[in-house]
N, C-alpha and C. Protein backbone atom coordinates (compact mmCIF):
# COMPACT_ATOMS: atom_id res chain seq x y z
N MET A 1 0.69 4.70 13.79
CA MET A 1 1.31 5.52 14.34
C MET A 1 2.44 5.10 13.53
N ALA A 2 2.87 4.25 12.60
CA ALA A 2 4.35 3.52 12.24
C ALA A 2 4.06 4.53 11.07
N LEU A 3 3.43 5.49 10.05
CA LEU A 3 3.49 5.73 9.01
C LEU A 3 3.51 7.55 9.63
N TRP A 4 4.26 7.71 8.74
CA TRP A 4 4.24 9.49 8.95
C TRP A 4 3.00 9.88 8.45
N PHE A 5 2.41 11.10 8.70
CA PHE A 5 1.26 11.97 8.41
C PHE A 5 1.35 12.44 6.71
N ILE A 6 2.55 12.38 6.32
CA ILE A 6 2.93 12.73 5.07
C ILE A 6 2.47 11.77 4.25
N VAL A 7 2.85 10.65 4.41
CA VAL A 7 2.74 9.21 3.98
C VAL A 7 1.13 9.06 3.83
N THR A 8 0.49 9.42 4.98
CA THR A 8 -1.11 9.19 4.92
C THR A 8 -1.61 9.98 4.18
N GLY A 9 -1.00 11.11 3.94
CA GLY A 9 -1.96 12.32 3.47
C GLY A 9 -1.76 12.10 1.97
N THR A 10 -0.78 11.35 1.50
CA THR A 10 -0.33 11.77 0.06
C THR A 10 -0.80 10.10 -0.07
N ALA A 11 -1.14 8.92 0.62
CA ALA A 11 -2.32 8.08 0.19
C ALA A 11 -3.70 8.35 -0.07
N TRP A 12 -4.30 8.91 1.03
CA TRP A 12 -5.34 9.55 0.78
C TRP A 12 -5.86 10.71 -0.43
N LYS A 13 -4.79 11.45 -0.66
CA LYS A 13 -4.91 11.97 -1.68
C LYS A 13 -5.10 11.36 -2.91
N TRP A 14 -4.60 10.15 -3.05
CA TRP A 14 -4.56 9.21 -4.30
C TRP A 14 -5.81 8.58 -4.20
N ILE A 15 -6.52 8.29 -2.95
CA ILE A 15 -7.67 7.51 -3.14
C ILE A 15 -8.79 8.42 -3.37
N LEU A 16 -9.05 9.68 -2.70
CA LEU A 16 -9.87 10.53 -2.77
C LEU A 16 -9.81 11.54 -4.01
N ASN A 17 -8.71 11.51 -4.86
CA ASN A 17 -8.72 12.38 -6.09
C ASN A 17 -9.61 11.64 -7.14
N PRO A 18 -10.24 12.78 -7.45
CA PRO A 18 -11.68 12.52 -8.31
C PRO A 18 -10.90 11.84 -9.41
N GLY A 19 -9.88 12.13 -9.96
CA GLY A 19 -9.51 11.66 -11.37
C GLY A 19 -8.84 10.09 -11.17
N LEU A 20 -8.29 9.71 -10.17
CA LEU A 20 -7.35 8.80 -9.62
C LEU A 20 -8.11 7.57 -8.86
N GLY A 21 -8.95 7.90 -7.94
CA GLY A 21 -9.27 7.20 -6.75
C GLY A 21 -10.49 6.45 -7.16
N ILE A 22 -11.44 6.75 -5.67
CA ILE A 22 -12.69 6.19 -5.64
C ILE A 22 -13.65 6.48 -6.87
N GLU A 23 -13.73 7.76 -7.27
CA GLU A 23 -14.65 7.90 -7.97
C GLU A 23 -14.14 7.34 -9.54
N HIS A 24 -12.82 7.46 -9.98
CA HIS A 24 -12.42 7.26 -11.18
C HIS A 24 -12.57 5.54 -11.20
N LEU A 25 -12.74 4.54 -9.99
CA LEU A 25 -12.93 3.43 -10.13
C LEU A 25 -14.20 2.83 -10.17
N VAL A 26 -15.00 3.94 -9.51
CA VAL A 26 -16.54 3.31 -9.44
C VAL A 26 -17.13 3.57 -11.22
N GLN A 27 -16.64 4.95 -11.67
CA GLN A 27 -16.81 5.21 -12.62
C GLN A 27 -16.65 4.40 -13.86
N GLN A 28 -15.08 3.46 -13.78
CA GLN A 28 -15.07 2.28 -14.55
C GLN A 28 -15.59 1.03 -14.48
N TRP A 29 -16.31 1.14 -12.85
CA TRP A 29 -16.98 -0.34 -13.02
C TRP A 29 -18.56 -0.21 -13.57
N GLY A 30 -18.44 1.25 -14.50
CA GLY A 30 -19.88 1.62 -15.11
C GLY A 30 -21.04 2.38 -14.93
N PHE A 31 -20.74 3.19 -13.79
CA PHE A 31 -21.57 3.94 -13.09
C PHE A 31 -21.42 5.32 -13.27
N ALA A 32 -21.26 5.74 -14.38
CA ALA A 32 -20.77 7.06 -15.03
C ALA A 32 -20.90 8.18 -14.32
N THR A 33 -21.97 8.16 -14.00
CA THR A 33 -22.57 9.46 -12.92
C THR A 33 -22.05 9.79 -11.83
N PHE A 34 -21.60 8.47 -10.98
CA PHE A 34 -21.17 8.76 -10.04
C PHE A 34 -20.20 9.69 -9.68
N GLU A 35 -20.58 10.80 -8.56
CA GLU A 35 -19.25 11.56 -8.05
C GLU A 35 -18.99 11.98 -6.87
N PHE A 36 -17.60 11.34 -6.44
CA PHE A 36 -17.14 11.60 -5.16
C PHE A 36 -15.93 12.78 -5.17
N GLY A 37 -16.15 13.74 -5.20
CA GLY A 37 -15.40 14.88 -5.03
C GLY A 37 -15.50 15.61 -3.40
N TRP A 38 -15.02 15.25 -2.75
CA TRP A 38 -14.58 15.48 -1.45
C TRP A 38 -13.64 16.17 -1.45
N LEU A 39 -12.55 16.00 -1.85
CA LEU A 39 -11.28 16.63 -1.62
C LEU A 39 -11.28 17.92 -2.29
N VAL A 40 -12.32 18.20 -3.50
CA VAL A 40 -12.16 19.45 -4.51
C VAL A 40 -13.42 20.08 -3.92
N ASP A 41 -14.47 19.47 -2.66
CA ASP A 41 -15.48 20.40 -2.41
C ASP A 41 -15.30 21.23 -1.08
N PRO A 42 -15.14 22.53 -1.09
CA PRO A 42 -14.75 23.36 0.16
C PRO A 42 -15.39 22.70 1.54
N ASP A 43 -16.80 22.34 1.31
CA ASP A 43 -17.27 21.91 2.36
C ASP A 43 -17.26 20.72 3.11
N MET A 44 -16.48 19.69 2.01
CA MET A 44 -16.57 18.38 2.59
C MET A 44 -15.01 18.19 2.76
N ALA A 45 -14.08 19.12 2.30
CA ALA A 45 -12.56 19.09 2.28
C ALA A 45 -12.00 18.30 3.60
N ILE A 46 -12.66 19.25 4.91
CA ILE A 46 -12.09 18.97 6.05
C ILE A 46 -12.29 17.71 6.75
N TYR A 47 -13.63 16.96 6.11
CA TYR A 47 -13.93 15.61 6.59
C TYR A 47 -13.00 14.35 5.70
N CYS A 48 -12.13 15.37 4.69
CA CYS A 48 -11.29 14.40 4.16
C CYS A 48 -10.20 14.19 4.99
N VAL A 49 -9.43 15.31 5.51
CA VAL A 49 -8.41 15.31 6.77
C VAL A 49 -9.38 14.72 7.82
N VAL A 50 -9.87 14.88 8.28
CA VAL A 50 -10.32 14.16 9.78
C VAL A 50 -10.47 12.69 9.17
N ILE A 51 -11.20 12.05 8.34
CA ILE A 51 -10.84 10.81 8.23
C ILE A 51 -9.46 10.39 7.72
N ALA A 52 -8.79 11.00 7.49
CA ALA A 52 -7.18 10.48 7.16
C ALA A 52 -6.91 10.39 8.69
N GLY A 53 -7.09 11.60 9.38
CA GLY A 53 -6.31 11.41 10.73
C GLY A 53 -6.95 10.56 11.55
N ILE A 54 -7.79 10.21 11.67
CA ILE A 54 -8.44 8.95 12.51
C ILE A 54 -8.04 7.74 12.06
N TRP A 55 -7.82 7.70 10.47
CA TRP A 55 -7.22 6.28 9.68
C TRP A 55 -5.90 6.08 10.71
N GLN A 56 -5.13 7.14 10.69
CA GLN A 56 -3.44 7.17 11.24
C GLN A 56 -3.77 6.95 12.28
N SER A 57 -4.65 7.44 13.37
CA SER A 57 -4.56 7.39 14.90
C SER A 57 -5.07 6.22 15.12
N ALA A 58 -6.02 5.72 14.98
CA ALA A 58 -6.91 4.42 15.35
C ALA A 58 -6.09 3.42 15.80
N GLY A 59 -4.82 2.70 15.29
CA GLY A 59 -4.11 2.05 15.30
C GLY A 59 -3.79 2.37 17.01
N PHE A 60 -2.96 3.28 17.21
CA PHE A 60 -2.31 3.37 18.37
C PHE A 60 -3.42 3.56 19.35
N VAL A 61 -4.87 4.27 19.18
CA VAL A 61 -5.54 4.97 20.61
C VAL A 61 -6.12 2.98 20.80
N MET A 62 -6.08 2.18 19.87
CA MET A 62 -6.44 0.68 19.91
C MET A 62 -5.48 -0.03 20.81
N ALA A 63 -4.35 0.10 20.59
CA ALA A 63 -3.37 -0.44 21.51
C ALA A 63 -3.18 -0.20 23.00
N LEU A 64 -3.52 1.29 23.09
CA LEU A 64 -3.67 1.72 24.46
C LEU A 64 -4.90 1.28 25.34
N PHE A 65 -5.65 1.08 24.44
CA PHE A 65 -6.69 0.87 25.41
C PHE A 65 -6.64 -0.71 25.26
N LEU A 66 -6.12 -1.13 24.44
CA LEU A 66 -5.63 -2.86 24.61
C LEU A 66 -5.05 -3.12 26.11
N ALA A 67 -3.87 -2.10 25.59
CA ALA A 67 -2.76 -2.41 27.10
C ALA A 67 -3.40 -1.93 28.35
N GLY A 68 -4.53 -0.77 28.32
CA GLY A 68 -5.34 -0.61 29.23
C GLY A 68 -6.18 -1.75 30.06
N LEU A 69 -7.01 -2.30 29.40
CA LEU A 69 -7.74 -3.73 29.48
C LEU A 69 -7.01 -4.57 29.87
N ARG A 70 -5.84 -5.11 29.33
CA ARG A 70 -5.27 -6.30 30.07
C ARG A 70 -4.63 -5.82 31.25
N GLY A 71 -4.56 -4.49 31.66
CA GLY A 71 -3.93 -4.17 33.04
C GLY A 71 -4.77 -4.18 33.93
N ILE A 72 -6.23 -4.52 33.60
CA ILE A 72 -6.88 -4.64 34.80
C ILE A 72 -7.51 -5.95 35.11
N ASP A 73 -7.06 -6.23 36.61
CA ASP A 73 -7.21 -7.61 37.22
C ASP A 73 -8.61 -8.43 36.84
N ASP A 74 -8.35 -9.87 36.38
CA ASP A 74 -9.67 -10.61 35.91
C ASP A 74 -10.40 -10.83 37.63
N SER A 75 -9.67 -10.74 38.45
CA SER A 75 -10.30 -11.17 40.02
C SER A 75 -11.54 -10.54 40.35
N ILE A 76 -11.14 -8.93 39.86
CA ILE A 76 -11.79 -7.37 40.27
C ILE A 76 -13.13 -8.11 39.51
N ILE A 77 -13.35 -8.42 38.13
CA ILE A 77 -14.64 -8.37 37.26
C ILE A 77 -15.29 -9.79 37.52
N LYS A 78 -14.50 -11.12 38.08
CA LYS A 78 -14.97 -12.14 38.64
C LYS A 78 -15.57 -11.96 40.10
N ALA A 79 -14.97 -11.12 40.60
CA ALA A 79 -15.87 -10.61 41.97
C ALA A 79 -17.19 -9.97 41.97
N ALA A 80 -17.20 -9.20 40.75
CA ALA A 80 -18.42 -8.41 40.42
C ALA A 80 -19.47 -9.18 40.40
N GLN A 81 -18.94 -10.47 39.15
CA GLN A 81 -19.95 -11.33 38.82
C GLN A 81 -20.37 -12.09 39.85
N VAL A 82 -19.67 -12.62 40.69
CA VAL A 82 -20.20 -13.69 42.00
C VAL A 82 -21.04 -12.36 42.92
N ASP A 83 -20.81 -11.19 43.00
CA ASP A 83 -21.87 -10.56 43.64
C ASP A 83 -22.85 -10.30 42.98
N GLY A 84 -23.19 -10.93 41.57
CA GLY A 84 -24.56 -10.44 40.97
C GLY A 84 -24.30 -9.14 40.04
N ALA A 85 -23.28 -8.51 39.93
CA ALA A 85 -23.20 -7.69 38.91
C ALA A 85 -23.61 -7.62 37.62
N SER A 86 -24.12 -6.83 37.11
CA SER A 86 -24.69 -7.44 35.52
C SER A 86 -23.33 -6.76 34.75
N LEU A 87 -23.34 -6.98 33.22
CA LEU A 87 -22.55 -6.52 32.64
C LEU A 87 -22.39 -5.03 32.25
N PRO A 88 -23.48 -4.68 32.23
CA PRO A 88 -23.50 -2.85 31.96
C PRO A 88 -23.11 -2.25 33.33
N ARG A 89 -23.33 -2.98 34.69
CA ARG A 89 -22.68 -2.41 35.99
C ARG A 89 -21.43 -2.35 36.07
N ILE A 90 -20.59 -3.61 35.67
CA ILE A 90 -19.71 -3.97 35.25
C ILE A 90 -18.58 -2.96 34.65
N TYR A 91 -19.41 -2.52 33.18
CA TYR A 91 -18.34 -1.75 32.80
C TYR A 91 -18.62 -0.23 33.45
N TRP A 92 -19.67 0.22 33.75
CA TRP A 92 -19.69 1.54 34.21
C TRP A 92 -19.19 1.78 35.66
N ARG A 93 -19.04 1.01 36.67
CA ARG A 93 -18.76 0.78 37.96
C ARG A 93 -16.89 0.03 37.81
N ILE A 94 -16.52 -0.58 37.12
CA ILE A 94 -15.02 -1.21 37.07
C ILE A 94 -14.19 -0.78 35.65
N LEU A 95 -14.73 -1.05 34.90
CA LEU A 95 -13.70 -1.38 33.63
C LEU A 95 -13.75 0.54 33.14
N ILE A 96 -14.60 1.25 32.92
CA ILE A 96 -14.37 2.88 32.65
C ILE A 96 -13.58 3.36 33.81
N PRO A 97 -14.02 3.53 34.79
CA PRO A 97 -13.12 3.99 35.71
C PRO A 97 -11.94 3.56 36.01
N THR A 98 -11.59 2.21 35.55
CA THR A 98 -10.43 1.77 36.15
C THR A 98 -9.45 2.50 34.63
N LEU A 99 -10.12 2.53 33.59
CA LEU A 99 -9.72 3.38 32.12
C LEU A 99 -9.34 4.59 31.89
N ARG A 100 -9.80 5.22 32.99
CA ARG A 100 -9.71 6.62 33.07
C ARG A 100 -8.51 7.32 32.59
N PRO A 101 -7.33 6.45 33.22
CA PRO A 101 -6.20 7.07 32.62
C PRO A 101 -5.88 6.74 31.10
N VAL A 102 -6.09 6.16 30.62
CA VAL A 102 -6.18 5.68 29.36
C VAL A 102 -6.78 6.54 28.82
N PHE A 103 -8.25 7.20 28.78
CA PHE A 103 -8.97 7.89 28.37
C PHE A 103 -8.43 9.17 28.21
N PHE A 104 -7.74 9.84 29.48
CA PHE A 104 -7.29 11.19 29.38
C PHE A 104 -5.92 10.95 28.42
N SER A 105 -4.83 9.93 28.60
CA SER A 105 -3.67 9.99 27.84
C SER A 105 -3.85 10.25 26.33
N THR A 106 -4.88 9.05 25.97
CA THR A 106 -5.48 9.38 24.63
C THR A 106 -5.89 10.50 24.20
N LEU A 107 -6.80 11.32 24.89
CA LEU A 107 -7.21 12.36 24.63
C LEU A 107 -6.08 13.54 24.50
N MET A 108 -5.02 13.54 25.42
CA MET A 108 -3.94 14.32 25.32
C MET A 108 -3.17 14.03 23.87
N VAL A 109 -2.72 12.89 23.56
CA VAL A 109 -2.21 12.67 22.25
C VAL A 109 -2.76 13.15 21.34
N VAL A 110 -4.52 12.40 21.11
CA VAL A 110 -4.82 12.96 20.08
C VAL A 110 -5.11 14.52 19.61
N SER A 111 -5.49 15.04 20.95
CA SER A 111 -5.59 16.63 20.61
C SER A 111 -4.04 17.32 20.60
N HIS A 112 -3.36 16.89 20.91
CA HIS A 112 -1.73 17.25 20.42
C HIS A 112 -1.83 17.46 18.73
N LEU A 113 -1.82 16.09 18.32
CA LEU A 113 -1.65 15.69 16.90
C LEU A 113 -2.80 16.57 16.17
N ALA A 114 -3.70 16.74 16.84
CA ALA A 114 -4.95 17.76 15.87
C ALA A 114 -4.55 19.34 16.10
N ILE A 115 -3.71 19.66 16.96
CA ILE A 115 -3.30 21.14 16.92
C ILE A 115 -2.38 21.39 16.00
N LYS A 116 -1.43 20.28 16.01
CA LYS A 116 -0.14 20.50 14.92
C LYS A 116 -0.11 19.58 13.74
N SER A 117 -1.29 19.16 13.12
CA SER A 117 -1.54 18.77 11.91
C SER A 117 -1.00 19.70 10.92
N PHE A 118 0.19 19.75 10.50
CA PHE A 118 0.76 20.50 9.49
C PHE A 118 0.93 19.33 8.20
N ASP A 119 1.71 18.41 8.73
CA ASP A 119 2.01 17.21 7.53
C ASP A 119 1.01 16.77 6.43
N LEU A 120 -0.11 16.27 7.72
CA LEU A 120 -1.02 15.80 6.79
C LEU A 120 -2.25 16.33 6.47
N VAL A 121 -2.14 17.97 6.15
CA VAL A 121 -2.91 18.48 5.76
C VAL A 121 -2.15 19.28 4.57
N MET A 122 -0.81 19.64 4.63
CA MET A 122 -0.11 20.12 3.41
C MET A 122 -0.13 18.86 2.29
N ALA A 123 0.12 17.69 2.77
CA ALA A 123 -0.11 16.56 1.77
C ALA A 123 -1.25 16.43 1.12
N LEU A 124 -2.41 16.44 1.85
CA LEU A 124 -3.70 16.30 1.28
C LEU A 124 -4.54 17.28 0.92
N THR A 125 -4.38 18.36 1.27
CA THR A 125 -5.25 19.58 0.77
C THR A 125 -4.44 20.55 0.61
N ALA A 126 -3.07 20.96 1.10
CA ALA A 126 -2.46 22.24 0.97
C ALA A 126 -2.93 23.51 1.58
N GLY A 127 -4.18 22.92 2.50
CA GLY A 127 -4.93 23.75 3.35
C GLY A 127 -6.28 24.62 2.44
N GLY A 128 -6.14 24.21 1.01
CA GLY A 128 -7.61 24.25 0.36
C GLY A 128 -8.74 22.99 0.24
N PRO A 129 -9.74 23.31 -0.61
CA PRO A 129 -9.89 24.14 -1.50
C PRO A 129 -10.09 25.88 -0.95
N GLY A 130 -9.57 26.69 -1.47
CA GLY A 130 -10.04 27.84 -0.60
C GLY A 130 -8.77 28.12 0.55
N PHE A 131 -9.88 28.23 1.58
CA PHE A 131 -9.43 28.25 3.05
C PHE A 131 -10.15 26.78 4.27
N ALA A 132 -10.47 26.19 3.33
CA ALA A 132 -11.43 24.97 3.95
C ALA A 132 -10.81 24.25 4.88
N THR A 133 -9.66 23.80 4.50
CA THR A 133 -8.87 23.05 5.36
C THR A 133 -7.72 23.69 6.57
N ASP A 134 -7.69 25.13 6.03
CA ASP A 134 -6.39 25.88 7.02
C ASP A 134 -6.57 25.33 8.51
N MET A 135 -5.59 25.04 8.81
CA MET A 135 -5.29 24.86 10.19
C MET A 135 -4.56 25.43 10.64
N PRO A 136 -4.14 26.05 12.11
CA PRO A 136 -3.24 26.97 12.94
C PRO A 136 -1.75 26.69 12.09
N ALA A 137 -1.46 25.68 12.13
CA ALA A 137 -0.32 25.12 11.76
C ALA A 137 0.41 25.69 10.23
N THR A 138 -0.78 25.21 9.49
CA THR A 138 -0.74 25.74 8.07
C THR A 138 -0.56 27.02 7.84
N PHE A 139 -1.73 27.93 8.87
CA PHE A 139 -1.80 29.45 8.86
C PHE A 139 -0.22 29.84 9.09
N MET A 140 0.17 29.29 9.91
CA MET A 140 1.51 29.70 10.53
C MET A 140 2.73 29.58 9.40
N TYR A 141 2.57 28.46 8.65
CA TYR A 141 3.82 28.38 7.65
C TYR A 141 3.40 29.59 6.55
N THR A 142 2.28 29.20 6.49
CA THR A 142 1.67 30.06 5.13
C THR A 142 2.04 31.78 5.35
N MET A 143 2.02 31.89 6.79
CA MET A 143 2.42 33.70 6.72
C MET A 143 4.03 34.12 7.16
N ALA A 144 4.53 32.94 7.84
CA ALA A 144 5.70 33.06 8.00
C ALA A 144 7.00 32.96 6.74
N PHE A 145 6.68 31.65 6.08
CA PHE A 145 7.45 31.56 4.79
C PHE A 145 6.91 31.67 3.41
N SER A 146 5.65 31.79 3.34
CA SER A 146 5.21 32.21 1.89
C SER A 146 5.07 33.44 1.72
N ARG A 147 4.55 33.99 2.49
CA ARG A 147 3.98 35.63 2.57
C ARG A 147 4.80 36.54 3.23
N GLY A 148 6.09 35.90 3.86
CA GLY A 148 6.93 36.70 4.43
C GLY A 148 7.11 37.54 5.61
N GLN A 149 5.52 37.03 6.13
CA GLN A 149 5.26 37.93 7.34
C GLN A 149 5.64 37.30 8.75
N ILE A 150 7.04 37.22 9.13
CA ILE A 150 7.20 36.50 10.33
C ILE A 150 6.81 36.76 11.46
N GLY A 151 6.45 38.28 11.73
CA GLY A 151 5.91 38.32 13.51
C GLY A 151 4.40 37.62 13.24
N LEU A 152 3.52 37.83 12.16
CA LEU A 152 2.65 37.27 12.55
C LEU A 152 2.58 35.55 12.38
N GLY A 153 3.35 34.93 11.35
CA GLY A 153 3.83 33.49 11.80
C GLY A 153 4.12 33.28 13.21
N ALA A 154 5.24 33.70 13.46
CA ALA A 154 5.55 33.60 14.98
C ALA A 154 4.47 33.78 16.30
N ALA A 155 3.71 35.05 16.06
CA ALA A 155 2.79 35.23 16.96
C ALA A 155 1.74 33.92 16.78
N SER A 156 1.53 33.20 15.54
CA SER A 156 0.56 32.09 15.42
C SER A 156 1.12 30.83 15.96
N ALA A 157 2.46 30.51 16.00
CA ALA A 157 3.50 29.57 16.58
C ALA A 157 3.00 29.72 17.97
N THR A 158 3.58 30.95 18.42
CA THR A 158 3.07 31.19 20.03
C THR A 158 2.05 30.73 20.67
N ILE A 159 0.82 31.21 20.10
CA ILE A 159 -0.58 30.72 20.22
C ILE A 159 -0.70 29.21 20.20
N MET A 160 -0.08 28.67 19.29
CA MET A 160 -0.28 27.16 19.13
C MET A 160 0.80 26.50 20.41
N LEU A 161 1.50 26.75 20.63
CA LEU A 161 2.69 26.63 21.69
C LEU A 161 1.60 26.65 23.34
N ALA A 162 0.73 27.86 23.29
CA ALA A 162 0.06 28.09 24.42
C ALA A 162 -1.13 27.13 24.63
N THR A 163 -1.86 26.90 23.59
CA THR A 163 -2.66 26.18 23.03
C THR A 163 -2.20 24.57 23.77
N VAL A 164 -1.47 23.91 23.21
CA VAL A 164 -0.80 22.88 23.82
C VAL A 164 -0.46 22.71 25.00
N ALA A 165 0.33 24.07 26.03
CA ALA A 165 0.69 24.11 26.88
C ALA A 165 -0.63 24.14 27.88
N ALA A 166 -1.72 24.73 27.42
CA ALA A 166 -2.75 24.38 28.10
C ALA A 166 -3.78 23.40 28.29
N ILE A 167 -3.25 22.06 27.27
CA ILE A 167 -3.75 21.17 27.34
C ILE A 167 -3.03 19.88 27.96
N VAL A 168 -1.64 20.41 28.01
CA VAL A 168 -0.98 19.06 28.31
C VAL A 168 -0.57 19.51 30.00
N VAL A 169 -0.13 20.66 30.07
CA VAL A 169 0.16 21.01 32.19
C VAL A 169 -0.53 20.87 32.96
N PRO A 170 -1.78 20.92 32.38
CA PRO A 170 -3.00 20.61 33.91
C PRO A 170 -2.92 18.84 33.08
N TYR A 171 -2.57 18.37 32.76
CA TYR A 171 -2.85 16.96 32.60
C TYR A 171 -1.58 16.25 33.27
N LEU A 172 -0.36 16.82 32.92
CA LEU A 172 0.48 16.63 33.81
C LEU A 172 0.69 16.73 35.44
N TYR A 173 -0.25 17.91 35.89
CA TYR A 173 -0.12 18.17 37.12
C TYR A 173 -1.72 17.34 37.87
N SER A 174 -2.44 17.17 36.99
CA SER A 174 -3.65 16.29 37.97
C SER A 174 -3.18 15.06 38.26
N GLY A 175 -2.11 14.25 38.05
CA GLY A 175 -1.60 13.27 38.78
C GLY A 175 -2.16 12.10 37.90
N ILE A 176 -2.46 11.95 36.78
CA ILE A 176 -3.21 11.13 35.65
C ILE A 176 -1.58 10.58 35.42
N ALA A 177 -1.12 11.39 34.86
CA ALA A 177 0.37 11.00 33.90
C ALA A 177 1.11 10.45 35.01
N GLY A 178 1.13 10.73 36.09
CA GLY A 178 2.35 10.27 37.22
C GLY A 178 1.76 9.08 37.82
N GLY A 179 0.75 8.87 37.37
CA GLY A 179 0.36 7.34 38.10
C GLY A 179 -0.04 7.50 39.49
N LYS A 180 -0.74 8.42 39.95
CA LYS A 180 -1.22 8.83 41.43
C LYS A 180 -2.51 8.35 41.91
């Protein structure tokens, strides 16, 4: 999460660009028929955005889970082992339920980032090819600022806000965020 999504999008655009990145490199190694045109293929372009987004957020998610795992008291696990609990049972009955707040927090952060993914999409594909990677945020930007349809852009932004609120507000009231 130390890099901005615009930087991640630009770097992945270079890597996935058929003329500069992986395809060009493999062809230079002697595989002249190798093709890797995911970025320009309408059916595969969304996967490029997903891969870049996962790469961007993976370290943050790992840090959250590491912090959650370090917060579990070792004596609970040792007591379960003394009682004869197997490793799968320790995971299913102790570790995973203890990490439930981390799961929910991660889900909230990642879903919020997915809904408002504007800079990554604009840097990587600009919503294209065609409308293959058009997201709510890019739709809102295009309608409001490129096409001059301010009302449609504002309506789209309101729907995005309602979607984020529908995800975040129940989470805040559930008690998981408050530590209850």
